[in-house]
Every structure is written in C-alpha cells, then in structure tokens.
C-alpha atoms as a PDB file:
ATOM      1  CA  MET A   1     -82.900 -29.196 -24.330  1.00  0.00           C
ATOM      2  CA  SER A   2     -86.062 -31.235 -24.711  1.00  0.00           C
ATOM      3  CA  LEU A   3     -86.533 -34.952 -25.137  1.00  0.00           C
ATOM      4  CA  ASP A   4     -87.981 -34.302 -28.587  1.00  0.00           C
ATOM      5  CA  VAL A   5     -87.195 -37.084 -31.041  1.00  0.00           C
ATOM      6  CA  ARG A   6     -85.561 -34.690 -33.496  1.00  0.00           C
ATOM      7  CA  ASP A   7     -83.288 -33.129 -30.862  1.00  0.00           C
ATOM      8  CA  LEU A   8     -82.320 -36.551 -29.537  1.00  0.00           C
ATOM      9  CA  ARG A   9     -81.585 -37.805 -33.032  1.00  0.00           C
ATOM     10  CA  GLN A  10     -79.303 -34.853 -33.732  1.00  0.00           C
ATOM     11  CA  GLN A  11     -77.494 -35.289 -30.419  1.00  0.00           C
ATOM     12  CA  ARG A  12     -77.133 -39.011 -31.003  1.00  0.00           C
ATOM     13  CA  ARG A  13     -75.732 -38.371 -34.488  1.00  0.00           C
ATOM     14  CA  ARG A  14     -73.115 -36.015 -33.044  1.00  0.00           C
ATOM     15  CA  ASN A  15     -72.172 -38.587 -30.427  1.00  0.00           C
ATOM     16  CA  VAL A  16     -71.853 -41.339 -33.046  1.00  0.00           C
ATOM     17  CA  LEU A  17     -69.648 -39.134 -35.245  1.00  0.00           C
ATOM     18  CA  HIS A  18     -67.510 -38.304 -32.222  1.00  0.00           C
ATOM     19  CA  GLY A  19     -67.105 -41.982 -31.387  1.00  0.00           C
ATOM     20  CA  LEU A  20     -66.241 -42.859 -34.986  1.00  0.00           C
ATOM     21  CA  ALA A  21     -63.676 -40.064 -35.101  1.00  0.00           C
ATOM     22  CA  LEU A  22     -62.019 -41.373 -31.937  1.00  0.00           C
ATOM     23  CA  LEU A  23     -61.939 -44.938 -33.272  1.00  0.00           C
ATOM     24  CA  ALA A  24     -60.516 -43.654 -36.557  1.00  0.00           C
ATOM     25  CA  GLY A  25     -57.867 -41.784 -34.592  1.00  0.00           C
ATOM     26  CA  MET A  26     -56.894 -44.982 -32.788  1.00  0.00           C
ATOM     27  CA  VAL A  27     -56.638 -46.852 -36.090  1.00  0.00           C
ATOM     28  CA  GLY A  28     -54.590 -43.984 -37.531  1.00  0.00           C
ATOM     29  CA  VAL A  29     -52.111 -44.033 -34.664  1.00  0.00           C
ATOM     30  CA  LEU A  30     -51.852 -47.803 -34.931  1.00  0.00           C
ATOM     31  CA  SER A  31     -51.186 -47.460 -38.656  1.00  0.00           C
ATOM     32  CA  VAL A  32     -48.413 -44.951 -38.009  1.00  0.00           C
ATOM     33  CA  THR A  33     -46.817 -47.395 -35.580  1.00  0.00           C
ATOM     34  CA  ALA A  34     -47.007 -50.210 -38.134  1.00  0.00           C
ATOM     35  CA  TRP A  35     -45.583 -47.993 -40.889  1.00  0.00           C
ATOM     36  CA  LEU A  36     -42.635 -46.938 -38.736  1.00  0.00           C
ATOM     37  CA  LEU A  37     -41.814 -50.584 -38.071  1.00  0.00           C
ATOM     38  CA  ALA A  38     -42.505 -52.267 -41.399  1.00  0.00           C
ATOM     39  CA  GLY A  39     -43.465 -49.675 -44.005  1.00  0.00           C
ATOM     40  CA  SER A  40     -46.285 -50.501 -46.404  1.00  0.00           C
ATOM     41  CA  GLN A  41     -46.253 -54.155 -45.324  1.00  0.00           C
ATOM     42  CA  GLY A  42     -47.026 -53.038 -41.782  1.00  0.00           C
ATOM     43  CA  LEU A  43     -49.997 -51.014 -43.026  1.00  0.00           C
ATOM     44  CA  VAL A  44     -51.342 -54.044 -44.887  1.00  0.00           C
ATOM     45  CA  ALA A  45     -50.916 -56.189 -41.774  1.00  0.00           C
ATOM     46  CA  VAL A  46     -52.847 -53.659 -39.658  1.00  0.00           C
ATOM     47  CA  GLY A  47     -55.618 -53.547 -42.263  1.00  0.00           C
ATOM     48  CA  VAL A  48     -55.940 -57.326 -42.285  1.00  0.00           C
ATOM     49  CA  ALA A  49     -55.900 -57.474 -38.483  1.00  0.00           C
ATOM     50  CA  GLY A  50     -58.618 -54.804 -38.306  1.00  0.00           C
ATOM     51  CA  LEU A  51     -60.821 -56.711 -40.749  1.00  0.00           C
ATOM     52  CA  VAL A  52     -60.394 -59.922 -38.757  1.00  0.00           C
ATOM     53  CA  LEU A  53     -61.318 -58.103 -35.544  1.00  0.00           C
ATOM     54  CA  LEU A  54     -64.466 -56.688 -37.117  1.00  0.00           C
ATOM     55  CA  LEU A  55     -65.504 -60.102 -38.387  1.00  0.00           C
ATOM     56  CA  LEU A  56     -64.744 -61.988 -35.181  1.00  0.00           C
ATOM     57  CA  ARG A  57     -66.191 -59.276 -32.903  1.00  0.00           C
ATOM     58  CA  PRO A  58     -63.992 -60.198 -29.918  1.00  0.00           C
ATOM     59  CA  GLN A  59     -65.789 -60.086 -26.567  1.00  0.00           C
ATOM     60  CA  VAL A  60     -65.234 -61.388 -23.080  1.00  0.00           C
ATOM     61  CA  PRO A  61     -67.801 -64.191 -22.542  1.00  0.00           C
ATOM     62  CA  THR A  62     -70.787 -63.007 -20.526  1.00  0.00           C
ATOM     63  CA  SER A  63     -70.586 -65.965 -18.149  1.00  0.00           C
ATOM     64  CA  VAL A  64     -66.963 -65.171 -17.275  1.00  0.00           C
ATOM     65  CA  VAL A  65     -67.731 -61.582 -16.209  1.00  0.00           C
ATOM     66  CA  LEU A  66     -70.789 -62.648 -14.215  1.00  0.00           C
ATOM     67  CA  ARG A  67     -68.779 -65.312 -12.363  1.00  0.00           C
ATOM     68  CA  MET A  68     -66.086 -62.738 -11.565  1.00  0.00           C
ATOM     69  CA  TYR A  69     -68.668 -60.712  -9.669  1.00  0.00           C
ATOM     70  CA  GLY A  70     -70.453 -63.671  -8.098  1.00  0.00           C
ATOM     71  CA  ALA A  71     -73.638 -62.745  -9.974  1.00  0.00           C
ATOM     72  CA  VAL A  72     -76.525 -65.231  -9.942  1.00  0.00           C
ATOM     73  CA  PRO A  73     -79.802 -65.202 -11.915  1.00  0.00           C
ATOM     74  CA  LEU A  74     -82.557 -63.204 -10.201  1.00  0.00           C
ATOM     75  CA  PRO A  75     -85.859 -65.102 -10.514  1.00  0.00           C
ATOM     76  CA  ALA A  76     -88.918 -63.193 -11.682  1.00  0.00           C
ATOM     77  CA  ARG A  77     -90.861 -64.302  -8.597  1.00  0.00           C
ATOM     78  CA  ALA A  78     -88.342 -62.547  -6.333  1.00  0.00           C
ATOM     79  CA  ALA A  79     -88.567 -59.198  -8.158  1.00  0.00           C
ATOM     80  CA  PRO A  80     -91.535 -59.175 -10.568  1.00  0.00           C
ATOM     81  CA  GLU A  81     -91.703 -55.365 -10.794  1.00  0.00           C
ATOM     82  CA  LEU A  82     -87.993 -55.181 -11.574  1.00  0.00           C
ATOM     83  CA  HIS A  83     -88.350 -57.757 -14.355  1.00  0.00           C
ATOM     84  CA  ARG A  84     -91.293 -55.814 -15.797  1.00  0.00           C
ATOM     85  CA  LEU A  85     -89.228 -52.639 -15.753  1.00  0.00           C
ATOM     86  CA  VAL A  86     -86.282 -54.255 -17.570  1.00  0.00           C
ATOM     87  CA  ALA A  87     -88.648 -55.802 -20.144  1.00  0.00           C
ATOM     88  CA  ALA A  88     -90.289 -52.414 -20.771  1.00  0.00           C
ATOM     89  CA  LEU A  89     -86.925 -50.677 -21.148  1.00  0.00           C
ATOM     90  CA  ALA A  90     -85.680 -53.377 -23.533  1.00  0.00           C
ATOM     91  CA  GLU A  91     -88.832 -53.050 -25.626  1.00  0.00           C
ATOM     92  CA  ARG A  92     -88.526 -49.260 -25.830  1.00  0.00           C
ATOM     93  CA  ALA A  93     -84.849 -49.617 -26.746  1.00  0.00           C
ATOM     94  CA  GLY A  94     -85.756 -52.014 -29.568  1.00  0.00           C
ATOM     95  CA  LEU A  95     -83.597 -54.853 -28.283  1.00  0.00           C
ATOM     96  CA  PRO A  96     -84.244 -58.207 -29.978  1.00  0.00           C
ATOM     97  CA  ALA A  97     -84.302 -59.922 -26.568  1.00  0.00           C
ATOM     98  CA  THR A  98     -84.782 -58.816 -22.969  1.00  0.00           C
ATOM     99  CA  PRO A  99     -81.491 -58.874 -21.014  1.00  0.00           C
ATOM    100  CA  ARG A 100     -81.308 -61.475 -18.263  1.00  0.00           C
ATOM    101  CA  LEU A 101     -81.340 -60.060 -14.748  1.00  0.00           C
ATOM    102  CA  HIS A 102     -78.610 -61.095 -12.312  1.00  0.00           C
ATOM    103  CA  TYR A 103     -78.173 -60.366  -8.623  1.00  0.00           C
ATOM    104  CA  VAL A 104     -74.818 -59.596  -7.009  1.00  0.00           C
ATOM    105  CA  PRO A 105     -74.787 -60.176  -3.217  1.00  0.00           C
ATOM    106  CA  SER A 106     -72.821 -57.053  -2.321  1.00  0.00           C
ATOM    107  CA  ARG A 107     -73.421 -53.921  -0.259  1.00  0.00           C
ATOM    108  CA  LEU A 108     -71.775 -51.863  -2.965  1.00  0.00           C
ATOM    109  CA  GLN A 109     -74.096 -49.771  -5.127  1.00  0.00           C
ATOM    110  CA  ASN A 110     -73.217 -50.886  -8.622  1.00  0.00           C
ATOM    111  CA  ALA A 111     -74.690 -52.158 -11.891  1.00  0.00           C
ATOM    112  CA  PHE A 112     -73.193 -53.351 -15.156  1.00  0.00           C
ATOM    113  CA  ALA A 113     -74.238 -54.877 -18.466  1.00  0.00           C
ATOM    114  CA  VAL A 114     -72.455 -57.517 -20.527  1.00  0.00           C
ATOM    115  CA  GLY A 115     -73.152 -59.284 -23.797  1.00  0.00           C
ATOM    116  CA  ARG A 116     -74.601 -58.418 -27.210  1.00  0.00           C
ATOM    117  CA  PRO A 117     -77.968 -56.781 -27.977  1.00  0.00           C
ATOM    118  CA  ASP A 118     -79.453 -60.191 -28.799  1.00  0.00           C
ATOM    119  CA  GLU A 119     -77.975 -61.925 -25.732  1.00  0.00           C
ATOM    120  CA  ALA A 120     -77.197 -59.588 -22.857  1.00  0.00           C
ATOM    121  CA  ALA A 121     -77.249 -59.659 -19.072  1.00  0.00           C
ATOM    122  CA  VAL A 122     -77.702 -56.831 -16.582  1.00  0.00           C
ATOM    123  CA  ALA A 123     -76.378 -57.322 -13.058  1.00  0.00           C
ATOM    124  CA  VAL A 124     -77.396 -55.238 -10.046  1.00  0.00           C
ATOM    125  CA  THR A 125     -76.041 -55.365  -6.536  1.00  0.00           C
ATOM    126  CA  ASP A 126     -78.077 -55.763  -3.367  1.00  0.00           C
ATOM    127  CA  GLY A 127     -76.870 -52.340  -2.262  1.00  0.00           C
ATOM    128  CA  LEU A 128     -78.173 -50.720  -5.427  1.00  0.00           C
ATOM    129  CA  LEU A 129     -81.602 -52.362  -5.177  1.00  0.00           C
ATOM    130  CA  ARG A 130     -82.022 -51.264  -1.563  1.00  0.00           C
ATOM    131  CA  GLY A 131     -80.334 -47.870  -1.822  1.00  0.00           C
ATOM    132  CA  LEU A 132     -82.177 -46.306  -4.785  1.00  0.00           C
ATOM    133  CA  ASP A 133     -85.836 -45.494  -5.221  1.00  0.00           C
ATOM    134  CA  GLY A 134     -87.853 -46.504  -8.278  1.00  0.00           C
ATOM    135  CA  ARG A 135     -87.014 -43.474 -10.427  1.00  0.00           C
ATOM    136  CA  GLU A 136     -83.310 -43.651  -9.656  1.00  0.00           C
ATOM    137  CA  LEU A 137     -83.025 -47.375 -10.313  1.00  0.00           C
ATOM    138  CA  ALA A 138     -85.000 -47.039 -13.553  1.00  0.00           C
ATOM    139  CA  GLY A 139     -82.476 -44.439 -14.717  1.00  0.00           C
ATOM    140  CA  VAL A 140     -79.501 -46.673 -13.905  1.00  0.00           C
ATOM    141  CA  LEU A 141     -81.044 -49.694 -15.658  1.00  0.00           C
ATOM    142  CA  ALA A 142     -81.956 -47.557 -18.677  1.00  0.00           C
ATOM    143  CA  HIS A 143     -78.334 -46.374 -18.824  1.00  0.00           C
ATOM    144  CA  GLU A 144     -77.019 -49.940 -18.857  1.00  0.00           C
ATOM    145  CA  ILE A 145     -79.585 -51.073 -21.446  1.00  0.00           C
ATOM    146  CA  SER A 146     -78.567 -48.086 -23.588  1.00  0.00           C
ATOM    147  CA  HIS A 147     -75.011 -49.433 -23.575  1.00  0.00           C
ATOM    148  CA  VAL A 148     -76.366 -52.788 -24.752  1.00  0.00           C
ATOM    149  CA  ARG A 149     -78.474 -51.161 -27.470  1.00  0.00           C
ATOM    150  CA  ALA A 150     -75.490 -49.250 -28.868  1.00  0.00           C
ATOM    151  CA  ASP A 151     -73.277 -52.350 -28.634  1.00  0.00           C
ATOM    152  CA  ASP A 152     -70.857 -50.262 -26.599  1.00  0.00           C
ATOM    153  CA  LEU A 153     -69.496 -53.380 -24.923  1.00  0.00           C
ATOM    154  CA  TRP A 154     -68.136 -54.589 -28.246  1.00  0.00           C
ATOM    155  CA  VAL A 155     -66.949 -51.121 -29.254  1.00  0.00           C
ATOM    156  CA  MET A 156     -64.930 -50.768 -26.073  1.00  0.00           C
ATOM    157  CA  SER A 157     -63.602 -54.316 -26.398  1.00  0.00           C
ATOM    158  CA  LEU A 158     -62.423 -53.467 -29.917  1.00  0.00           C
ATOM    159  CA  ALA A 159     -60.843 -50.241 -28.659  1.00  0.00           C
ATOM    160  CA  ASP A 160     -59.062 -52.212 -25.935  1.00  0.00           C
ATOM    161  CA  VAL A 161     -57.704 -54.681 -28.501  1.00  0.00           C
ATOM    162  CA  LEU A 162     -56.443 -51.805 -30.674  1.00  0.00           C
ATOM    163  CA  THR A 163     -54.778 -50.197 -27.663  1.00  0.00           C
ATOM    164  CA  ARG A 164     -53.050 -53.411 -26.620  1.00  0.00           C
ATOM    165  CA  LEU A 165     -51.906 -53.999 -30.196  1.00  0.00           C
ATOM    166  CA  ALA A 166     -50.446 -50.489 -30.393  1.00  0.00           C
ATOM    167  CA  HIS A 167     -48.580 -51.033 -27.130  1.00  0.00           C
ATOM    168  CA  ALA A 168     -47.224 -54.384 -28.286  1.00  0.00           C
ATOM    169  CA  LEU A 169     -46.027 -52.960 -31.623  1.00  0.00           C
ATOM    170  CA  ALA A 170     -44.404 -49.960 -29.972  1.00  0.00           C
ATOM    171  CA  TYR A 171     -42.551 -52.027 -27.383  1.00  0.00           C
ATOM    172  CA  ALA A 172     -41.436 -54.538 -30.018  1.00  0.00           C
ATOM    173  CA  GLY A 173     -40.155 -51.660 -32.138  1.00  0.00           C
ATOM    174  CA  LEU A 174     -38.202 -50.217 -29.239  1.00  0.00           C
ATOM    175  CA  VAL A 175     -36.571 -53.589 -28.571  1.00  0.00           C
ATOM    176  CA  LEU A 176     -35.593 -53.914 -32.226  1.00  0.00           C
ATOM    177  CA  LEU A 177     -34.159 -50.399 -32.228  1.00  0.00           C
ATOM    178  CA  ALA A 178     -32.161 -51.104 -29.069  1.00  0.00           C
ATOM    179  CA  LEU A 179     -30.716 -54.281 -30.587  1.00  0.00           C
ATOM    180  CA  GLY A 180     -29.865 -52.612 -33.885  1.00  0.00           C
ATOM    181  CA  LEU A 181     -28.613 -49.259 -32.561  1.00  0.00           C
ATOM    182  CA  PRO A 182     -24.891 -50.204 -32.500  1.00  0.00           C
ATOM    183  CA  LEU A 183     -25.103 -50.994 -36.213  1.00  0.00           C
ATOM    184  CA  LEU A 184     -26.763 -47.702 -37.139  1.00  0.00           C
ATOM    185  CA  GLN A 185     -24.429 -45.056 -35.716  1.00  0.00           C
ATOM    186  CA  ALA A 186     -24.563 -43.025 -38.911  1.00  0.00           C
ATOM    187  CA  GLU A 187     -28.315 -42.513 -38.584  1.00  0.00           C
ATOM    188  CA  ALA A 188     -28.463 -42.066 -34.816  1.00  0.00           C
ATOM    189  CA  THR A 189     -30.632 -38.922 -35.032  1.00  0.00           C
ATOM    190  CA  ASP A 190     -33.282 -40.680 -37.069  1.00  0.00           C
ATOM    191  CA  ILE A 191     -33.224 -43.634 -34.718  1.00  0.00           C
ATOM    192  CA  VAL A 192     -33.814 -41.395 -31.690  1.00  0.00           C
ATOM    193  CA  LEU A 193     -36.769 -39.692 -33.408  1.00  0.00           C
ATOM    194  CA  VAL A 194     -38.331 -43.053 -34.269  1.00  0.00           C
ATOM    195  CA  ALA A 195     -37.800 -44.279 -30.705  1.00  0.00           C
ATOM    196  CA  LEU A 196     -39.441 -41.171 -29.221  1.00  0.00           C
ATOM    197  CA  THR A 197     -42.365 -41.550 -31.611  1.00  0.00           C
ATOM    198  CA  LEU A 198     -42.843 -45.174 -30.650  1.00  0.00           C
ATOM    199  CA  LEU A 199     -42.782 -44.206 -26.983  1.00  0.00           C
ATOM    200  CA  ALA A 200     -45.473 -41.560 -27.482  1.00  0.00           C
ATOM    201  CA  LEU A 201     -47.875 -43.536 -29.678  1.00  0.00           C
ATOM    202  CA  PRO A 202     -49.202 -45.967 -27.009  1.00  0.00           C
ATOM    203  CA  THR A 203     -50.001 -43.022 -24.733  1.00  0.00           C
ATOM    204  CA  VAL A 204     -51.915 -41.293 -27.525  1.00  0.00           C
ATOM    205  CA  VAL A 205     -53.931 -44.461 -28.235  1.00  0.00           C
ATOM    206  CA  THR A 206     -54.735 -44.892 -24.541  1.00  0.00           C
ATOM    207  CA  LEU A 207     -55.982 -41.301 -24.253  1.00  0.00           C
ATOM    208  CA  LEU A 208     -58.161 -41.798 -27.330  1.00  0.00           C
ATOM    209  CA  GLN A 209     -59.585 -44.982 -25.777  1.00  0.00           C
ATOM    210  CA  LEU A 210     -60.468 -43.135 -22.573  1.00  0.00           C
ATOM    211  CA  ALA A 211     -62.055 -40.306 -24.558  1.00  0.00           C
ATOM    212  CA  LEU A 212     -64.142 -42.868 -26.453  1.00  0.00           C
ATOM    213  CA  SER A 213     -65.335 -44.344 -23.169  1.00  0.00           C
ATOM    214  CA  ARG A 214     -66.388 -40.916 -21.902  1.00  0.00           C
ATOM    215  CA  SER A 215     -68.219 -40.241 -25.163  1.00  0.00           C
ATOM    216  CA  ARG A 216     -70.190 -43.483 -24.850  1.00  0.00           C
ATOM    217  CA  GLU A 217     -71.199 -42.566 -21.283  1.00  0.00           C
ATOM    218  CA  TYR A 218     -72.698 -39.253 -22.403  1.00  0.00           C
ATOM    219  CA  ASP A 219     -74.593 -41.037 -25.161  1.00  0.00           C
ATOM    220  CA  ALA A 220     -75.914 -43.695 -22.761  1.00  0.00           C
ATOM    221  CA  ASP A 221     -77.117 -40.967 -20.375  1.00  0.00           C
ATOM    222  CA  LEU A 222     -79.041 -39.264 -23.167  1.00  0.00           C
ATOM    223  CA  GLU A 223     -80.559 -42.515 -24.388  1.00  0.00           C
ATOM    224  CA  ALA A 224     -81.535 -43.479 -20.833  1.00  0.00           C
ATOM    225  CA  ALA A 225     -83.408 -40.192 -20.460  1.00  0.00           C
ATOM    226  CA  ARG A 226     -85.246 -40.928 -23.696  1.00  0.00           C
ATOM    227  CA  LEU A 227     -86.199 -44.426 -22.575  1.00  0.00           C
ATOM    228  CA  THR A 228     -87.631 -43.379 -19.219  1.00  0.00           C
ATOM    229  CA  GLY A 229     -88.723 -39.818 -20.008  1.00  0.00           C
ATOM    230  CA  ASP A 230     -87.200 -38.929 -16.639  1.00  0.00           C
ATOM    231  CA  PRO A 231     -83.670 -37.433 -16.830  1.00  0.00           C
ATOM    232  CA  VAL A 232     -83.938 -36.256 -13.214  1.00  0.00           C
ATOM    233  CA  GLY A 233     -84.164 -39.850 -11.952  1.00  0.00           C
ATOM    234  CA  LEU A 234     -80.787 -40.760 -13.478  1.00  0.00           C
ATOM    235  CA  ALA A 235     -79.270 -37.460 -12.324  1.00  0.00           C
ATOM    236  CA  ARG A 236     -80.327 -38.230  -8.748  1.00  0.00           C
ATOM    237  CA  ALA A 237     -78.892 -41.763  -9.024  1.00  0.00           C
ATOM    238  CA  LEU A 238     -75.556 -40.414 -10.275  1.00  0.00           C
ATOM    239  CA  ALA A 239     -75.369 -38.033  -7.322  1.00  0.00           C
ATOM    240  CA  ILE A 240     -75.991 -40.911  -4.886  1.00  0.00           C
ATOM    241  CA  LEU A 241     -73.387 -43.129  -6.559  1.00  0.00           C
ATOM    242  CA  GLU A 242     -70.913 -40.259  -6.583  1.00  0.00           C
ATOM    243  CA  ARG A 243     -71.250 -39.860  -2.830  1.00  0.00           C
ATOM    244  CA  ALA A 244     -70.962 -43.627  -2.307  1.00  0.00           C
ATOM    245  CA  HIS A 245     -67.922 -44.230  -4.517  1.00  0.00           C
ATOM    246  CA  GLY A 246     -66.076 -40.950  -4.644  1.00  0.00           C
ATOM    247  CA  ARG A 247     -67.115 -40.413  -8.313  1.00  0.00           C
ATOM    248  CA  GLY A 248     -69.224 -42.026 -11.016  1.00  0.00           C
ATOM    249  CA  TRP A 249     -69.198 -45.815 -10.823  1.00  0.00           C
ATOM    250  CA  GLU A 250     -67.174 -47.901 -13.219  1.00  0.00           C
ATOM    251  CA  ARG A 251     -69.240 -50.751 -14.697  1.00  0.00           C
ATOM    252  CA  ILE A 252     -66.517 -53.335 -15.220  1.00  0.00           C
ATOM    253  CA  LEU A 253     -62.972 -52.036 -14.861  1.00  0.00           C
ATOM    254  CA  ALA A 254     -61.773 -50.687 -11.484  1.00  0.00           C
ATOM    255  CA  PRO A 255     -65.237 -50.031 -10.080  1.00  0.00           C
ATOM    256  CA  HIS A 256     -64.032 -48.576  -6.786  1.00  0.00           C
ATOM    257  CA  ARG A 257     -60.898 -46.626  -7.517  1.00  0.00           C
ATOM    258  CA  ARG A 258     -60.757 -43.282  -5.762  1.00  0.00           C
ATOM    259  CA  GLY A 259     -58.689 -40.203  -6.336  1.00  0.00           C
ATOM    260  CA  PRO A 260     -58.900 -36.926  -8.269  1.00  0.00           C
ATOM    261  CA  ASP A 261     -57.694 -38.222 -11.637  1.00  0.00           C
ATOM    262  CA  PRO A 262     -57.347 -35.641 -14.423  1.00  0.00           C
ATOM    263  CA  LEU A 263     -60.216 -35.704 -16.929  1.00  0.00           C
ATOM    264  CA  LEU A 264     -57.967 -37.175 -19.646  1.00  0.00           C
ATOM    265  CA  LEU A 265     -57.274 -40.216 -17.456  1.00  0.00           C
ATOM    266  CA  ARG A 266     -60.898 -41.011 -16.588  1.00  0.00           C
ATOM    267  CA  THR A 267     -63.021 -43.673 -18.218  1.00  0.00           C
ATOM    268  CA  HIS A 268     -66.155 -41.746 -17.175  1.00  0.00           C
ATOM    269  CA  PRO A 269     -66.859 -38.013 -17.544  1.00  0.00           C
ATOM    270  CA  PRO A 270     -67.057 -35.951 -14.335  1.00  0.00           C
ATOM    271  CA  THR A 271     -70.322 -36.777 -12.589  1.00  0.00           C
ATOM    272  CA  GLU A 272     -71.100 -33.082 -12.134  1.00  0.00           C
ATOM    273  CA  GLN A 273     -71.088 -32.566 -15.903  1.00  0.00           C
ATOM    274  CA  ARG A 274     -73.304 -35.603 -16.478  1.00  0.00           C
ATOM    275  CA  ILE A 275     -75.802 -34.367 -13.890  1.00  0.00           C
ATOM    276  CA  GLN A 276     -75.846 -30.872 -15.400  1.00  0.00           C
ATOM    277  CA  ARG A 277     -76.515 -32.272 -18.867  1.00  0.00           C
ATOM    278  CA  LEU A 278     -79.345 -34.436 -17.586  1.00  0.00           C
ATOM    279  CA  ARG A 279     -80.971 -31.648 -15.601  1.00  0.00           C
ATOM    280  CA  ALA A 280     -80.829 -29.413 -18.685  1.00  0.00           C
ATOM    281  CA  LEU A 281     -83.207 -31.839 -20.415  1.00  0.00           C
ATOM    282  CA  THR A 282     -86.929 -31.235 -20.170  1.00  0.00           C
ATOM    283  CA  PRO A 283     -88.674 -34.267 -18.616  1.00  0.00           C
ATOM    284  CA  ALA A 284     -91.491 -35.938 -20.487  1.00  0.00           C
ATOM    285  CA  THR A 285     -95.041 -35.256 -19.303  1.00  0.00           C
ATOM    286  CA  ARG A 286     -95.230 -38.814 -17.950  1.00  0.00           C
ATOM    287  CA  TYR A 287     -92.935 -41.755 -17.323  1.00  0.00           C
ATOM    288  CA  ARG A 288     -92.477 -43.908 -20.417  1.00  0.00           C
ATOM    289  CA  VAL A 289     -91.945 -47.134 -18.478  1.00  0.00           C
ATOM    290  CA  PRO A 290     -93.713 -48.533 -15.386  1.00  0.00           C
ATOM    291  CA  ILE A 291     -91.851 -47.195 -12.358  1.00  0.00           C
ATOM    292  CA  HIS A 292     -92.490 -48.781  -8.965  1.00  0.00           C
ATOM    293  CA  ALA A 293     -92.197 -45.857  -6.552  1.00  0.00           C
ATOM    294  CA  GLU A 294     -91.538 -48.003  -3.464  1.00  0.00           C
ATOM    295  CA  GLY A 295     -88.352 -49.463  -4.914  1.00  0.00           C
ATOM    296  CA  TYR A 296     -87.250 -52.891  -6.081  1.00  0.00           C
ATOM    297  CA  ALA A 297     -85.722 -54.769  -3.140  1.00  0.00           C
ATOM    298  CA  PRO A 298     -86.034 -58.507  -3.944  1.00  0.00           C
ATOM    299  CA  THR A 299     -88.226 -60.656  -1.731  1.00  0.00           C
ATOM    300  CA  GLY A 300     -86.646 -63.710  -0.125  1.00  0.00           C
ATOM    301  CA  TYR A 301     -83.182 -62.101  -0.060  1.00  0.00           C
ATOM    302  CA  ASP A 302     -81.800 -60.832   3.218  1.00  0.00           C
ATOM    303  CA  PRO A 303     -79.864 -57.550   3.112  1.00  0.00           C
ATOM    304  CA  VAL A 304     -76.156 -58.175   2.633  1.00  0.00           C
ATOM    305  CA  ARG A 305     -74.296 -57.348   5.844  1.00  0.00           C
ATOM    306  CA  ARG A 306     -70.723 -58.399   5.100  1.00  0.00           C
ATOM    307  CA  ARG A 307     -68.281 -55.751   4.025  1.00  0.00           C
ATOM    308  CA  PRO A 308     -66.977 -55.827   0.431  1.00  0.00           C
ATOM    309  CA  ARG A 309     -63.524 -57.282  -0.050  1.00  0.00           C
ATOM    310  CA  LEU A 310     -61.111 -57.919  -2.886  1.00  0.00           C
ATOM    311  CA  ARG A 311     -61.787 -61.356  -4.375  1.00  0.00           C
ATOM    312  CA  ALA A 312     -59.442 -63.810  -6.069  1.00  0.00           C
ATOM    313  CA  THR A 313     -60.898 -62.754  -9.436  1.00  0.00           C
ATOM    314  CA  GLY A 314     -59.415 -59.283  -8.975  1.00  0.00           C
ATOM    315  CA  VAL A 315     -62.685 -57.437  -8.380  1.00  0.00           C
ATOM    316  CA  ARG A 316     -64.117 -56.081  -5.139  1.00  0.00           C
ATOM    317  CA  TRP A 317     -67.669 -57.046  -4.149  1.00  0.00           C
END
C-alpha cells in the first residue's frame, strides 16, 4: 500500500467507520442494560446521559496526568531540533496549536499525549530521547500527535465513561434482583435469565472498549506514516519498544504490564501486526518533516541513572 492521499483517505474512512461501529455497539449494550432495569424510562435516561456526555466532553485534566508522571516542561533551548520537529508535525497534522513538550526524568522508553487538539501536551521520557534515533523518535511523536489530531483521548475517555456506567447499572440491577428474588418465585426462570444477561453485558462493553482502543492505534500508525513519509521509522521504534517492554507500550494505562494476554484483552494490537502493516506501506521519496539524524537528547540534562519504581500516584517511572 502506498502513502497516496486517496489510499490513506479510504483507509482512514474505514477506520473511522470501525470506531463508530464499536462506539455504537457500546451504546447499544448500555441501552439494553437500561431497558432491562427500567424499560423505556431507562432508555430515555441513557439517551439524556449520552447527550450530556457529548456536550461536556469529559476529560482528565492535562495537568493532572503530567503531574502523575513527574513531567516538566522541556525548554526550546534544551532541545531546539525536537521542538522544530513537533511544530512541523503539528502543522502537517493541521492542529490549531502546537502541543507543549514535556520531559519525564525516567529511564523507561515511553511517550504519551494528553489534552485536546487546541491545547495538548506530548511527554517523552529521557530513555526514549536517548534510546531512539531521529527517524524512530519522529515516528513515535507523529503517532502521539495523530492521537491528538483525531481527538482519540476524548473518544477513549467517553468509552471509559460508558463502560463504567454499564458496569454500575449491571451491578445495581443484580443487587435489586437479589433483594427482590424471594418475592418473585413464580417468575424465577425469567429472573435468572435477566441476571445472567446483566452479568454478561459489562464484559461485552469492556471488550468493545478494548477493540476501540486497538482500532485507534492502527489509525494513529497510518496517520503517523503520512505525517513523516517514513513508515519504517515508526516500525523500527515499535520493535525497540517491544523488546524493552515485552510488547507495545501503553501510553497512559498500565504502561509496563507484561504477560501474553489474549488479543481480546489488549488495549494495543500485537506489535508484530502493527510493524507488518507499516512495512507494507511504500515510503515517500523524502521525509516530510525535518528529521535530525543524530537524535534528540536534550542538552543540560544528565542521563537518568536511577531505576524506575512504582510511585504514590500509581504509575511507574
């Protein structure tokens, strides 16, 4: 597959439709849960709650996530080439504002993005800046900026809210059924069927949420290749991060979990599949952003020597 605009547009359209279908499936399962508990009134309540969520656009504040990871602003004078790269990627992505760069003093090789397209931040660890070359780091940053461009952070926050709401409704329904079961002996079979359905629905919503996350990762990979014109750079970075972390890195949630989880239980697709898809793309004839071949280690910052540990905030860095 080439990086032709038409091919990319078709692929992006398929990815968007896939994501919408998964979100619709989550809303559908949530609606079934509400209908089982409260009939048509439950459906109306879910509809109102969904509208409120869309209007309020719930998101974890950017400053909170950055503090959790100990991220600090990275001055332009310490990494001018890195700032130029992020600005070029943001311009190619059509972002209304360039994301702010933050530095995480950690040996771990990790990067994540938080915020909205008009007010975002990208954080990179010391290990990532010193462990990847220019092409690889450009691919990782393009991937994170692609998440910002697509507003994936809000999409996944919304999906998380829907999942938590489905769990809460299901558990509340099970409690109500348990309390009312002695009074409904005549309809015990129906009660058991409703209880089993309520038990299954949260699991279905969770699997849909994980599938949505994997879909957004594929889309961000494709968009990153378009931004840089260099799919091989991101593929190489993914291979390095896979070796460092046991599998593809997790931006925010559980960044260093290990273990051969089944595909259905992963928030990221298998790294091997992502690399294969990227290497199947035809690179552009030249890089589309300025790539500093020597790398982007910040000046004035000593390499981090201390070993990562679990912090009070619940994250490891």
